[in-house]
C-alpha atoms as a PDB file:
ATOM      1  CA  UNK A   1       5.445  56.244 -21.034  1.00  0.00           C
ATOM      2  CA  UNK A   2       2.179  55.491 -19.263  1.00  0.00           C
ATOM      3  CA  UNK A   3       1.592  52.524 -21.583  1.00  0.00           C
ATOM      4  CA  UNK A   4       5.115  51.238 -20.886  1.00  0.00           C
ATOM      5  CA  UNK A   5       4.579  51.487 -17.101  1.00  0.00           C
ATOM      6  CA  UNK A   6       1.237  49.746 -17.400  1.00  0.00           C
ATOM      7  CA  UNK A   7       2.815  46.849 -19.329  1.00  0.00           C
ATOM      8  CA  UNK A   8       5.546  46.500 -16.704  1.00  0.00           C
ATOM      9  CA  UNK A   9       2.915  46.252 -13.966  1.00  0.00           C
ATOM     10  CA  UNK A  10       1.000  43.593 -15.929  1.00  0.00           C
ATOM     11  CA  UNK A  11       4.176  41.551 -16.426  1.00  0.00           C
ATOM     12  CA  UNK A  12       5.030  41.832 -12.723  1.00  0.00           C
ATOM     13  CA  UNK A  13       1.551  40.745 -11.607  1.00  0.00           C
ATOM     14  CA  UNK A  14       1.437  37.807 -14.036  1.00  0.00           C
ATOM     15  CA  UNK A  15       4.915  36.644 -13.010  1.00  0.00           C
ATOM     16  CA  UNK A  16       4.089  36.841  -9.313  1.00  0.00           C
ATOM     17  CA  UNK A  17       0.793  35.006  -9.803  1.00  0.00           C
ATOM     18  CA  UNK A  18       2.382  32.310 -11.926  1.00  0.00           C
ATOM     19  CA  UNK A  19       5.230  31.838  -9.455  1.00  0.00           C
ATOM     20  CA  UNK A  20       2.827  31.612  -6.536  1.00  0.00           C
ATOM     21  CA  UNK A  21       0.765  29.063  -8.442  1.00  0.00           C
ATOM     22  CA  UNK A  22       3.830  26.921  -9.108  1.00  0.00           C
ATOM     23  CA  UNK A  23       4.980  27.148  -5.515  1.00  0.00           C
ATOM     24  CA  UNK A  24       1.554  26.148  -4.267  1.00  0.00           C
ATOM     25  CA  UNK A  25       1.466  23.179  -6.643  1.00  0.00           C
ATOM     26  CA  UNK A  26       4.881  21.988  -5.517  1.00  0.00           C
ATOM     27  CA  UNK A  27       4.082  22.367  -1.829  1.00  0.00           C
ATOM     28  CA  UNK A  28       0.918  20.283  -2.274  1.00  0.00           C
ATOM     29  CA  UNK A  29       2.261  17.620  -4.628  1.00  0.00           C
ATOM     30  CA  UNK A  30       6.006  17.388  -4.027  1.00  0.00           C
ATOM     31  CA  UNK A  31       8.231  16.992  -1.011  1.00  0.00           C
ATOM     32  CA  UNK A  32      11.956  17.353  -1.685  1.00  0.00           C
ATOM     33  CA  UNK A  33      13.748  17.821   1.613  1.00  0.00           C
ATOM     34  CA  UNK A  34      17.026  17.290   3.440  1.00  0.00           C
ATOM     35  CA  UNK A  35      16.316  15.779   6.868  1.00  0.00           C
ATOM     36  CA  UNK A  36      18.388  14.710   9.887  1.00  0.00           C
ATOM     37  CA  UNK A  37      18.613  11.130  11.130  1.00  0.00           C
ATOM     38  CA  UNK A  38      16.018  11.700  13.863  1.00  0.00           C
ATOM     39  CA  UNK A  39      13.471  12.816  11.296  1.00  0.00           C
ATOM     40  CA  UNK A  40      14.483   9.926   9.041  1.00  0.00           C
ATOM     41  CA  UNK A  41      13.869   7.435  11.850  1.00  0.00           C
ATOM     42  CA  UNK A  42      10.413   8.935  12.506  1.00  0.00           C
ATOM     43  CA  UNK A  43       9.657   8.807   8.782  1.00  0.00           C
ATOM     44  CA  UNK A  44      10.590   5.114   8.644  1.00  0.00           C
ATOM     45  CA  UNK A  45       8.375   4.260  11.620  1.00  0.00           C
ATOM     46  CA  UNK A  46       5.472   6.197  10.126  1.00  0.00           C
ATOM     47  CA  UNK A  47       5.777   4.326   6.813  1.00  0.00           C
ATOM     48  CA  UNK A  48       6.465   0.853   8.199  1.00  0.00           C
ATOM     49  CA  UNK A  49       3.548  -0.714   6.316  1.00  0.00           C
ATOM     50  CA  UNK A  50       3.505   1.632   3.346  1.00  0.00           C
ATOM     51  CA  UNK A  51       4.200  -0.141   0.022  1.00  0.00           C
ATOM     52  CA  UNK A  52       4.927   3.226  -1.605  1.00  0.00           C
ATOM     53  CA  UNK A  53       7.818   4.024   0.768  1.00  0.00           C
ATOM     54  CA  UNK A  54      11.344   2.971  -0.277  1.00  0.00           C
ATOM     55  CA  UNK A  55      14.664   3.354   1.555  1.00  0.00           C
ATOM     56  CA  UNK A  56      17.500   3.560  -0.975  1.00  0.00           C
ATOM     57  CA  UNK A  57      21.003   2.787   0.321  1.00  0.00           C
ATOM     58  CA  UNK A  58      23.488   4.103  -2.249  1.00  0.00           C
ATOM     59  CA  UNK A  59      26.615   2.496  -0.795  1.00  0.00           C
ATOM     60  CA  UNK A  60      28.587  -0.347  -2.337  1.00  0.00           C
ATOM     61  CA  UNK A  61      27.490  -3.926  -1.653  1.00  0.00           C
ATOM     62  CA  UNK A  62      30.448  -4.359   0.713  1.00  0.00           C
ATOM     63  CA  UNK A  63      29.444  -1.298   2.741  1.00  0.00           C
ATOM     64  CA  UNK A  64      25.800  -2.355   2.724  1.00  0.00           C
ATOM     65  CA  UNK A  65      26.532  -5.880   3.934  1.00  0.00           C
ATOM     66  CA  UNK A  66      28.415  -4.644   7.014  1.00  0.00           C
ATOM     67  CA  UNK A  67      25.136  -3.245   8.331  1.00  0.00           C
ATOM     68  CA  UNK A  68      22.227  -1.228   6.971  1.00  0.00           C
ATOM     69  CA  UNK A  69      18.841   0.216   7.856  1.00  0.00           C
ATOM     70  CA  UNK A  70      16.265  -2.562   7.948  1.00  0.00           C
ATOM     71  CA  UNK A  71      14.294  -2.991   4.703  1.00  0.00           C
ATOM     72  CA  UNK A  72      16.595  -0.659   2.765  1.00  0.00           C
ATOM     73  CA  UNK A  73      17.301  -1.457  -0.885  1.00  0.00           C
ATOM     74  CA  UNK A  74      20.896  -1.316  -2.079  1.00  0.00           C
ATOM     75  CA  UNK A  75      21.600   0.467  -5.374  1.00  0.00           C
ATOM     76  CA  UNK A  76      25.320   1.119  -5.773  1.00  0.00           C
ATOM     77  CA  UNK A  77      25.992   4.751  -6.703  1.00  0.00           C
ATOM     78  CA  UNK A  78      29.177   3.665  -8.514  1.00  0.00           C
ATOM     79  CA  UNK A  79      27.333   1.199 -10.736  1.00  0.00           C
ATOM     80  CA  UNK A  80      27.890   2.373 -14.361  1.00  0.00           C
ATOM     81  CA  UNK A  81      24.141   1.958 -14.946  1.00  0.00           C
ATOM     82  CA  UNK A  82      23.142   3.896 -11.813  1.00  0.00           C
ATOM     83  CA  UNK A  83      21.443   6.788 -13.653  1.00  0.00           C
ATOM     84  CA  UNK A  84      19.565   4.376 -15.905  1.00  0.00           C
ATOM     85  CA  UNK A  85      18.359   2.467 -12.821  1.00  0.00           C
ATOM     86  CA  UNK A  86      17.115   5.718 -11.270  1.00  0.00           C
ATOM     87  CA  UNK A  87      15.046   6.437 -14.365  1.00  0.00           C
ATOM     88  CA  UNK A  88      13.243   3.085 -14.036  1.00  0.00           C
ATOM     89  CA  UNK A  89      11.986   3.830 -10.505  1.00  0.00           C
ATOM     90  CA  UNK A  90       8.367   4.779  -9.921  1.00  0.00           C
ATOM     91  CA  UNK A  91       8.354   8.565  -9.553  1.00  0.00           C
ATOM     92  CA  UNK A  92       5.144   8.580  -7.538  1.00  0.00           C
ATOM     93  CA  UNK A  93       6.600   6.655  -4.602  1.00  0.00           C
ATOM     94  CA  UNK A  94       8.290   8.181  -1.558  1.00  0.00           C
ATOM     95  CA  UNK A  95      12.065   7.717  -1.275  1.00  0.00           C
ATOM     96  CA  UNK A  96      14.425   8.109   1.658  1.00  0.00           C
ATOM     97  CA  UNK A  97      17.988   8.094   0.288  1.00  0.00           C
ATOM     98  CA  UNK A  98      21.221   7.632   2.209  1.00  0.00           C
ATOM     99  CA  UNK A  99      24.892   6.760   1.787  1.00  0.00           C
ATOM    100  CA  UNK A 100      27.797   6.633   4.248  1.00  0.00           C
ATOM    101  CA  UNK A 101      28.280  10.352   4.965  1.00  0.00           C
ATOM    102  CA  UNK A 102      25.908  12.229   2.651  1.00  0.00           C
ATOM    103  CA  UNK A 103      27.980  12.989  -0.465  1.00  0.00           C
ATOM    104  CA  UNK A 104      26.509  10.387  -2.794  1.00  0.00           C
ATOM    105  CA  UNK A 105      22.982  10.880  -1.503  1.00  0.00           C
ATOM    106  CA  UNK A 106      23.232  14.659  -2.000  1.00  0.00           C
ATOM    107  CA  UNK A 107      24.188  14.224  -5.673  1.00  0.00           C
ATOM    108  CA  UNK A 108      21.450  11.618  -6.120  1.00  0.00           C
ATOM    109  CA  UNK A 109      18.934  13.885  -4.388  1.00  0.00           C
ATOM    110  CA  UNK A 110      19.673  16.625  -6.917  1.00  0.00           C
ATOM    111  CA  UNK A 111      19.459  14.194  -9.827  1.00  0.00           C
ATOM    112  CA  UNK A 112      16.111  12.806  -8.620  1.00  0.00           C
ATOM    113  CA  UNK A 113      14.812  16.374  -8.372  1.00  0.00           C
ATOM    114  CA  UNK A 114      15.886  16.931 -11.983  1.00  0.00           C
ATOM    115  CA  UNK A 115      14.069  13.721 -12.927  1.00  0.00           C
ATOM    116  CA  UNK A 116      10.942  15.123 -11.226  1.00  0.00           C
ATOM    117  CA  UNK A 117      10.499  12.524  -8.490  1.00  0.00           C
ATOM    118  CA  UNK A 118       7.574  13.697  -6.373  1.00  0.00           C
ATOM    119  CA  UNK A 119       8.691  12.833  -2.832  1.00  0.00           C
ATOM    120  CA  UNK A 120      12.380  12.559  -1.904  1.00  0.00           C
ATOM    121  CA  UNK A 121      14.080  12.784   1.487  1.00  0.00           C
ATOM    122  CA  UNK A 122      17.868  13.013   1.729  1.00  0.00           C
ATOM    123  CA  UNK A 123      19.241  11.783   5.076  1.00  0.00           C
ATOM    124  CA  UNK A 124      21.970  14.213   6.138  1.00  0.00           C
ATOM    125  CA  UNK A 125      25.052  12.677   7.739  1.00  0.00           C
ATOM    126  CA  UNK A 126      24.346   9.280   6.180  1.00  0.00           C
ATOM    127  CA  UNK A 127      24.647   5.915   7.856  1.00  0.00           C
ATOM    128  CA  UNK A 128      27.752   7.096   9.763  1.00  0.00           C
ATOM    129  CA  UNK A 129      25.575   9.492  11.758  1.00  0.00           C
ATOM    130  CA  UNK A 130      22.789   6.878  11.922  1.00  0.00           C
ATOM    131  CA  UNK A 131      25.248   4.468  13.599  1.00  0.00           C
ATOM    132  CA  UNK A 132      26.581   7.191  15.897  1.00  0.00           C
ATOM    133  CA  UNK A 133      23.040   7.972  17.039  1.00  0.00           C
ATOM    134  CA  UNK A 134      22.594   4.248  17.836  1.00  0.00           C
ATOM    135  CA  UNK A 135      19.566   3.742  15.635  1.00  0.00           C
ATOM    136  CA  UNK A 136      18.963   0.066  14.718  1.00  0.00           C
ATOM    137  CA  UNK A 137      20.714  -1.661  11.823  1.00  0.00           C
ATOM    138  CA  UNK A 138      20.720  -5.187  10.460  1.00  0.00           C
ATOM    139  CA  UNK A 139      22.820  -7.458   8.268  1.00  0.00           C
ATOM    140  CA  UNK A 140      19.773  -9.347   7.054  1.00  0.00           C
ATOM    141  CA  UNK A 141      18.800  -9.164   3.400  1.00  0.00           C
ATOM    142  CA  UNK A 142      15.286 -10.316   2.610  1.00  0.00           C
ATOM    143  CA  UNK A 143      12.390  -9.656   0.231  1.00  0.00           C
ATOM    144  CA  UNK A 144       9.286  -7.817   1.431  1.00  0.00           C
ATOM    145  CA  UNK A 145       5.939  -8.597  -0.178  1.00  0.00           C
ATOM    146  CA  UNK A 146       3.508  -5.666  -0.149  1.00  0.00           C
ATOM    147  CA  UNK A 147       0.191  -5.122  -1.864  1.00  0.00           C
ATOM    148  CA  UNK A 148      -0.123  -1.832  -3.705  1.00  0.00           C
ATOM    149  CA  UNK A 149      -3.803  -2.602  -4.317  1.00  0.00           C
ATOM    150  CA  UNK A 150      -6.220  -2.631  -1.365  1.00  0.00           C
ATOM    151  CA  UNK A 151      -6.522  -6.196  -0.017  1.00  0.00           C
ATOM    152  CA  UNK A 152     -10.317  -5.871   0.174  1.00  0.00           C
ATOM    153  CA  UNK A 153     -11.624  -5.926  -3.390  1.00  0.00           C
ATOM    154  CA  UNK A 154     -15.261  -5.438  -4.348  1.00  0.00           C
ATOM    155  CA  UNK A 155     -16.182  -6.255  -7.941  1.00  0.00           C
ATOM    156  CA  UNK A 156     -19.340  -4.251  -8.443  1.00  0.00           C
ATOM    157  CA  UNK A 157     -22.598  -5.447  -9.984  1.00  0.00           C
ATOM    158  CA  UNK A 158     -22.101  -7.613 -13.070  1.00  0.00           C
ATOM    159  CA  UNK A 159     -24.572  -9.342 -15.350  1.00  0.00           C
ATOM    160  CA  UNK A 160     -24.614 -13.130 -15.297  1.00  0.00           C
ATOM    161  CA  UNK A 161     -22.112 -14.596 -17.768  1.00  0.00           C
ATOM    162  CA  UNK A 162     -20.274 -11.300 -18.272  1.00  0.00           C
ATOM    163  CA  UNK A 163     -16.601 -11.376 -17.321  1.00  0.00           C
ATOM    164  CA  UNK A 164     -15.003  -8.458 -15.490  1.00  0.00           C
ATOM    165  CA  UNK A 165     -11.269  -8.033 -14.895  1.00  0.00           C
ATOM    166  CA  UNK A 166      -9.567  -6.138 -12.090  1.00  0.00           C
ATOM    167  CA  UNK A 167      -5.870  -5.254 -11.920  1.00  0.00           C
ATOM    168  CA  UNK A 168      -3.975  -6.184  -8.778  1.00  0.00           C
ATOM    169  CA  UNK A 169      -0.476  -4.851  -8.115  1.00  0.00           C
ATOM    170  CA  UNK A 170       2.141  -6.177  -5.705  1.00  0.00           C
ATOM    171  CA  UNK A 171       5.631  -4.891  -4.985  1.00  0.00           C
ATOM    172  CA  UNK A 172       8.899  -5.976  -3.411  1.00  0.00           C
ATOM    173  CA  UNK A 173      10.147  -3.417  -0.889  1.00  0.00           C
ATOM    174  CA  UNK A 174      13.157  -5.485   0.181  1.00  0.00           C
ATOM    175  CA  UNK A 175      16.621  -6.008  -1.234  1.00  0.00           C
ATOM    176  CA  UNK A 176      16.495  -9.747  -1.886  1.00  0.00           C
ATOM    177  CA  UNK A 177      14.617 -11.371  -4.781  1.00  0.00           C
ATOM    178  CA  UNK A 178      10.968 -12.118  -4.033  1.00  0.00           C
ATOM    179  CA  UNK A 179       9.743 -15.470  -5.361  1.00  0.00           C
ATOM    180  CA  UNK A 180       6.510 -17.398  -4.870  1.00  0.00           C
ATOM    181  CA  UNK A 181       5.726 -20.897  -3.618  1.00  0.00           C
ATOM    182  CA  UNK A 182       1.997 -21.170  -4.229  1.00  0.00           C
ATOM    183  CA  UNK A 183      -1.264 -19.335  -4.856  1.00  0.00           C
ATOM    184  CA  UNK A 184      -4.939 -20.117  -4.370  1.00  0.00           C
ATOM    185  CA  UNK A 185      -6.281 -22.511  -6.979  1.00  0.00           C
ATOM    186  CA  UNK A 186      -9.362 -20.812  -8.439  1.00  0.00           C
ATOM    187  CA  UNK A 187     -10.422 -23.801 -10.549  1.00  0.00           C
ATOM    188  CA  UNK A 188     -14.105 -24.534 -10.074  1.00  0.00           C
ATOM    189  CA  UNK A 189     -14.909 -21.023  -8.820  1.00  0.00           C
ATOM    190  CA  UNK A 190     -16.353 -18.023 -10.630  1.00  0.00           C
ATOM    191  CA  UNK A 191     -12.970 -16.293 -10.289  1.00  0.00           C
ATOM    192  CA  UNK A 192      -9.822 -16.671 -12.367  1.00  0.00           C
ATOM    193  CA  UNK A 193      -6.338 -15.129 -12.530  1.00  0.00           C
ATOM    194  CA  UNK A 194      -3.352 -14.832 -14.833  1.00  0.00           C
ATOM    195  CA  UNK A 195      -0.905 -14.616 -11.919  1.00  0.00           C
ATOM    196  CA  UNK A 196       2.365 -16.310 -12.915  1.00  0.00           C
ATOM    197  CA  UNK A 197       3.766 -18.417 -10.090  1.00  0.00           C
ATOM    198  CA  UNK A 198       7.251 -18.076 -11.638  1.00  0.00           C
ATOM    199  CA  UNK A 199       7.229 -14.307 -11.175  1.00  0.00           C
ATOM    200  CA  UNK A 200      10.247 -12.882  -9.348  1.00  0.00           C
ATOM    201  CA  UNK A 201      10.646  -9.316  -8.140  1.00  0.00           C
ATOM    202  CA  UNK A 202      13.950  -7.706  -7.247  1.00  0.00           C
ATOM    203  CA  UNK A 203      14.510  -4.534  -5.262  1.00  0.00           C
ATOM    204  CA  UNK A 204      11.590  -2.164  -5.764  1.00  0.00           C
ATOM    205  CA  UNK A 205       9.960  -4.032  -8.680  1.00  0.00           C
ATOM    206  CA  UNK A 206       6.187  -4.105  -9.140  1.00  0.00           C
ATOM    207  CA  UNK A 207       4.019  -6.753 -10.803  1.00  0.00           C
ATOM    208  CA  UNK A 208       0.439  -6.298 -11.969  1.00  0.00           C
ATOM    209  CA  UNK A 209      -1.809  -9.270 -12.669  1.00  0.00           C
ATOM    210  CA  UNK A 210      -5.516  -9.806 -13.350  1.00  0.00           C
ATOM    211  CA  UNK A 211      -8.234 -11.386 -11.257  1.00  0.00           C
ATOM    212  CA  UNK A 212     -11.402 -11.961 -13.264  1.00  0.00           C
ATOM    213  CA  UNK A 213     -14.946 -12.697 -12.155  1.00  0.00           C
ATOM    214  CA  UNK A 214     -17.691 -14.287 -14.246  1.00  0.00           C
ATOM    215  CA  UNK A 215     -20.925 -14.837 -12.271  1.00  0.00           C
ATOM    216  CA  UNK A 216     -23.114 -17.802 -13.205  1.00  0.00           C
ATOM    217  CA  UNK A 217     -26.089 -17.033 -10.941  1.00  0.00           C
ATOM    218  CA  UNK A 218     -27.581 -14.221  -8.870  1.00  0.00           C
ATOM    219  CA  UNK A 219     -26.166 -15.127  -5.454  1.00  0.00           C
ATOM    220  CA  UNK A 220     -23.151 -13.121  -4.178  1.00  0.00           C
ATOM    221  CA  UNK A 221     -19.682 -14.709  -4.224  1.00  0.00           C
ATOM    222  CA  UNK A 222     -16.609 -14.208  -2.117  1.00  0.00           C
ATOM    223  CA  UNK A 223     -13.189 -15.797  -2.001  1.00  0.00           C
ATOM    224  CA  UNK A 224      -9.886 -15.371  -0.219  1.00  0.00           C
ATOM    225  CA  UNK A 225      -7.104 -15.299  -2.798  1.00  0.00           C
ATOM    226  CA  UNK A 226      -3.697 -16.037  -1.250  1.00  0.00           C
ATOM    227  CA  UNK A 227      -0.195 -15.519  -2.608  1.00  0.00           C
ATOM    228  CA  UNK A 228       2.398 -17.582  -0.759  1.00  0.00           C
ATOM    229  CA  UNK A 229       5.944 -16.226  -1.021  1.00  0.00           C
ATOM    230  CA  UNK A 230       9.203 -16.774   0.845  1.00  0.00           C
ATOM    231  CA  UNK A 231       8.378 -13.589   2.749  1.00  0.00           C
ATOM    232  CA  UNK A 232       5.008 -14.946   3.898  1.00  0.00           C
ATOM    233  CA  UNK A 233       1.407 -15.015   2.724  1.00  0.00           C
ATOM    234  CA  UNK A 234      -0.584 -12.127   1.264  1.00  0.00           C
ATOM    235  CA  UNK A 235      -4.388 -12.487   1.315  1.00  0.00           C
ATOM    236  CA  UNK A 236      -6.934 -10.696  -0.841  1.00  0.00           C
ATOM    237  CA  UNK A 237     -10.567 -10.696   0.295  1.00  0.00           C
ATOM    238  CA  UNK A 238     -12.521 -10.570  -2.962  1.00  0.00           C
ATOM    239  CA  UNK A 239     -16.260 -10.057  -3.088  1.00  0.00           C
ATOM    240  CA  UNK A 240     -18.303 -10.353  -6.260  1.00  0.00           C
ATOM    241  CA  UNK A 241     -21.514  -8.333  -6.129  1.00  0.00           C
ATOM    242  CA  UNK A 242     -24.463  -9.524  -8.150  1.00  0.00           C
ATOM    243  CA  UNK A 243     -28.026  -8.468  -8.888  1.00  0.00           C
ATOM    244  CA  UNK A 244     -29.792  -8.154  -5.568  1.00  0.00           C
ATOM    245  CA  UNK A 245     -32.796  -6.524  -3.978  1.00  0.00           C
ATOM    246  CA  UNK A 246     -32.156  -2.773  -3.853  1.00  0.00           C
ATOM    247  CA  UNK A 247     -33.617  -2.333  -0.334  1.00  0.00           C
ATOM    248  CA  UNK A 248     -31.508  -5.077   1.205  1.00  0.00           C
ATOM    249  CA  UNK A 249     -28.478  -3.831  -0.706  1.00  0.00           C
ATOM    250  CA  UNK A 250     -28.965  -0.313   0.640  1.00  0.00           C
ATOM    251  CA  UNK A 251     -29.242  -1.662   4.177  1.00  0.00           C
ATOM    252  CA  UNK A 252     -26.010  -3.641   4.035  1.00  0.00           C
ATOM    253  CA  UNK A 253     -24.081  -0.963   2.161  1.00  0.00           C
ATOM    254  CA  UNK A 254     -25.097   1.518   4.878  1.00  0.00           C
ATOM    255  CA  UNK A 255     -23.664  -0.809   7.514  1.00  0.00           C
ATOM    256  CA  UNK A 256     -21.581   1.117  10.062  1.00  0.00           C
ATOM    257  CA  UNK A 257     -19.003  -0.351  12.419  1.00  0.00           C
ATOM    258  CA  UNK A 258     -17.243   1.865  14.961  1.00  0.00           C
ATOM    259  CA  UNK A 259     -14.991   2.904  16.620  1.00  0.00           C
ATOM    260  CA  UNK A 260     -12.373   1.621  14.233  1.00  0.00           C
ATOM    261  CA  UNK A 261      -9.571   1.192  15.326  1.00  0.00           C
ATOM    262  CA  UNK A 262     -10.697   0.155  18.821  1.00  0.00           C
ATOM    263  CA  UNK A 263      -9.594  -1.957  21.793  1.00  0.00           C
ATOM    264  CA  UNK A 264     -11.430  -4.901  20.242  1.00  0.00           C
ATOM    265  CA  UNK A 265     -15.011  -3.902  21.014  1.00  0.00           C
ATOM    266  CA  UNK A 266     -16.937  -2.601  18.004  1.00  0.00           C
ATOM    267  CA  UNK A 267     -20.443  -1.185  17.815  1.00  0.00           C
ATOM    268  CA  UNK A 268     -22.392  -1.607  14.596  1.00  0.00           C
ATOM    269  CA  UNK A 269     -25.712  -0.677  13.070  1.00  0.00           C
ATOM    270  CA  UNK A 270     -27.468  -1.973   9.998  1.00  0.00           C
ATOM    271  CA  UNK A 271     -30.631  -3.837   9.029  1.00  0.00           C
ATOM    272  CA  UNK A 272     -31.355  -7.244   7.489  1.00  0.00           C
ATOM    273  CA  UNK A 273     -27.971  -8.674   8.528  1.00  0.00           C
ATOM    274  CA  UNK A 274     -28.065 -12.447   8.977  1.00  0.00           C
ATOM    275  CA  UNK A 275     -24.518 -13.079  10.201  1.00  0.00           C
ATOM    276  CA  UNK A 276     -21.091 -11.543  10.783  1.00  0.00           C
ATOM    277  CA  UNK A 277     -17.845 -13.496  10.537  1.00  0.00           C
ATOM    278  CA  UNK A 278     -14.543 -12.219  11.917  1.00  0.00           C
ATOM    279  CA  UNK A 279     -11.520 -13.356   9.886  1.00  0.00           C
ATOM    280  CA  UNK A 280      -7.819 -12.931  10.657  1.00  0.00           C
ATOM    281  CA  UNK A 281      -5.163 -12.021   8.073  1.00  0.00           C
ATOM    282  CA  UNK A 282      -4.488 -15.678   7.220  1.00  0.00           C
ATOM    283  CA  UNK A 283      -8.125 -16.105   6.176  1.00  0.00           C
ATOM    284  CA  UNK A 284      -9.052 -18.150   9.266  1.00  0.00           C
ATOM    285  CA  UNK A 285     -12.487 -17.535  10.785  1.00  0.00           C
ATOM    286  CA  UNK A 286     -11.930 -16.722  14.457  1.00  0.00           C
ATOM    287  CA  UNK A 287     -15.459 -15.740  15.515  1.00  0.00           C
ATOM    288  CA  UNK A 288     -18.960 -15.967  14.102  1.00  0.00           C
ATOM    289  CA  UNK A 289     -22.209 -14.210  14.990  1.00  0.00           C
ATOM    290  CA  UNK A 290     -25.335 -15.960  13.640  1.00  0.00           C
ATOM    291  CA  UNK A 291     -29.046 -15.163  13.942  1.00  0.00           C
ATOM    292  CA  UNK A 292     -28.397 -11.470  14.417  1.00  0.00           C
ATOM    293  CA  UNK A 293     -31.365  -9.363  15.480  1.00  0.00           C
ATOM    294  CA  UNK A 294     -31.707  -5.644  15.019  1.00  0.00           C
ATOM    295  CA  UNK A 295     -31.009  -5.071  18.721  1.00  0.00           C
ATOM    296  CA  UNK A 296     -27.643  -6.864  18.515  1.00  0.00           C
ATOM    297  CA  UNK A 297     -25.077  -4.094  18.450  1.00  0.00           C
ATOM    298  CA  UNK A 298     -21.666  -5.221  19.792  1.00  0.00           C
ATOM    299  CA  UNK A 299     -18.814  -7.311  18.397  1.00  0.00           C
ATOM    300  CA  UNK A 300     -16.245  -8.201  21.041  1.00  0.00           C
ATOM    301  CA  UNK A 301     -12.868  -9.630  19.928  1.00  0.00           C
ATOM    302  CA  UNK A 302     -10.832  -7.862  22.606  1.00  0.00           C
ATOM    303  CA  UNK A 303      -9.304 -11.191  23.666  1.00  0.00           C
ATOM    304  CA  UNK A 304      -7.478 -11.470  20.333  1.00  0.00           C
ATOM    305  CA  UNK A 305      -4.018  -9.953  19.649  1.00  0.00           C
ATOM    306  CA  UNK A 306      -3.653  -6.429  18.296  1.00  0.00           C
ATOM    307  CA  UNK A 307      -3.655  -6.159  14.527  1.00  0.00           C
ATOM    308  CA  UNK A 308      -5.789  -6.120  11.386  1.00  0.00           C
ATOM    309  CA  UNK A 309      -8.881  -8.310  10.995  1.00  0.00           C
ATOM    310  CA  UNK A 310     -11.789  -8.466   8.565  1.00  0.00           C
ATOM    311  CA  UNK A 311     -15.526  -8.475   9.249  1.00  0.00           C
ATOM    312  CA  UNK A 312     -17.569 -10.398   6.683  1.00  0.00           C
ATOM    313  CA  UNK A 313     -21.122  -9.051   6.850  1.00  0.00           C
ATOM    314  CA  UNK A 314     -23.814 -11.211   5.247  1.00  0.00           C
ATOM    315  CA  UNK A 315     -27.482 -10.501   4.525  1.00  0.00           C
ATOM    316  CA  UNK A 316     -29.994 -12.671   2.687  1.00  0.00           C
ATOM    317  CA  UNK A 317     -28.612 -11.760  -0.736  1.00  0.00           C
ATOM    318  CA  UNK A 318     -25.676  -9.404  -0.122  1.00  0.00           C
ATOM    319  CA  UNK A 319     -22.182  -9.557   1.322  1.00  0.00           C
ATOM    320  CA  UNK A 320     -19.489  -6.998   2.144  1.00  0.00           C
ATOM    321  CA  UNK A 321     -16.114  -6.934   3.901  1.00  0.00           C
ATOM    322  CA  UNK A 322     -14.924  -4.331   6.386  1.00  0.00           C
ATOM    323  CA  UNK A 323     -11.338  -4.019   7.638  1.00  0.00           C
ATOM    324  CA  UNK A 324     -11.194  -3.638  11.437  1.00  0.00           C
ATOM    325  CA  UNK A 325      -8.201  -2.907  13.641  1.00  0.00           C
ATOM    326  CA  UNK A 326      -7.477  -3.778  17.275  1.00  0.00           C
ATOM    327  CA  UNK A 327      -4.934  -1.390  18.707  1.00  0.00           C
END
């Protein structure tokens, strides 16, 4: 009897521990929630520039075209292939799902939970309540080019003549097909790419391509690689590190620039810096600081519009990029 009681206690403790462990894992790694339209609107604003955030509108094309949440992607719930389409979606992205009143999105929410999607939000009340609350809608359908990969890419130390490849991933977060007009011609540089200009991305598609770097000497290289699409231009700031003096390298790698974001005035510290260039998102140099001395400590671009810029910091034999933000 005592042995039986002891075994029951062991089973109870193990079950409780295991359950707690699972609950903790889910709370840290999954979010599966029903939310109201106010929370949905806040979520959309928070993720405005997040390539891993997708709004799925499950209504028919006719319903969708009468007005929809901006940047939402239409996947018709009544499409015979709907469940197969769901299975092709990236399960690590964040999804806000909606329909007209909440019926279709509720069923889809449950199905996506069964398919083990990590982060799903079901908008209660659907677009009917969204309209009634007077939140903004649009009839526009357009592609949205986003970079999944960071747009500042450092290719770490490589031996001369040795090729190194990096994977770069882009995505379409809009409902229309994303196509490309042009890309940077890398001929004659130490960089190369297999990007296919004929690539087209629909809905929430992703595309991964390679940028390669093969140094031919010891001096550092950098290039701005641009993808020109019908949604606009996406720029990658790519820096190829090479063999350089360890002391100078340490100095530039320890470069600090703060506060960031700021009102446009940035303080920095660092040694052996010869110049700093400020570049906007189109790749245009908007300000340059040459002949920098150790007592030079302030970058002032407060007269430029709010947004994201890049600081290109150059020493005698090293170069790095830093993203800076004016708010």
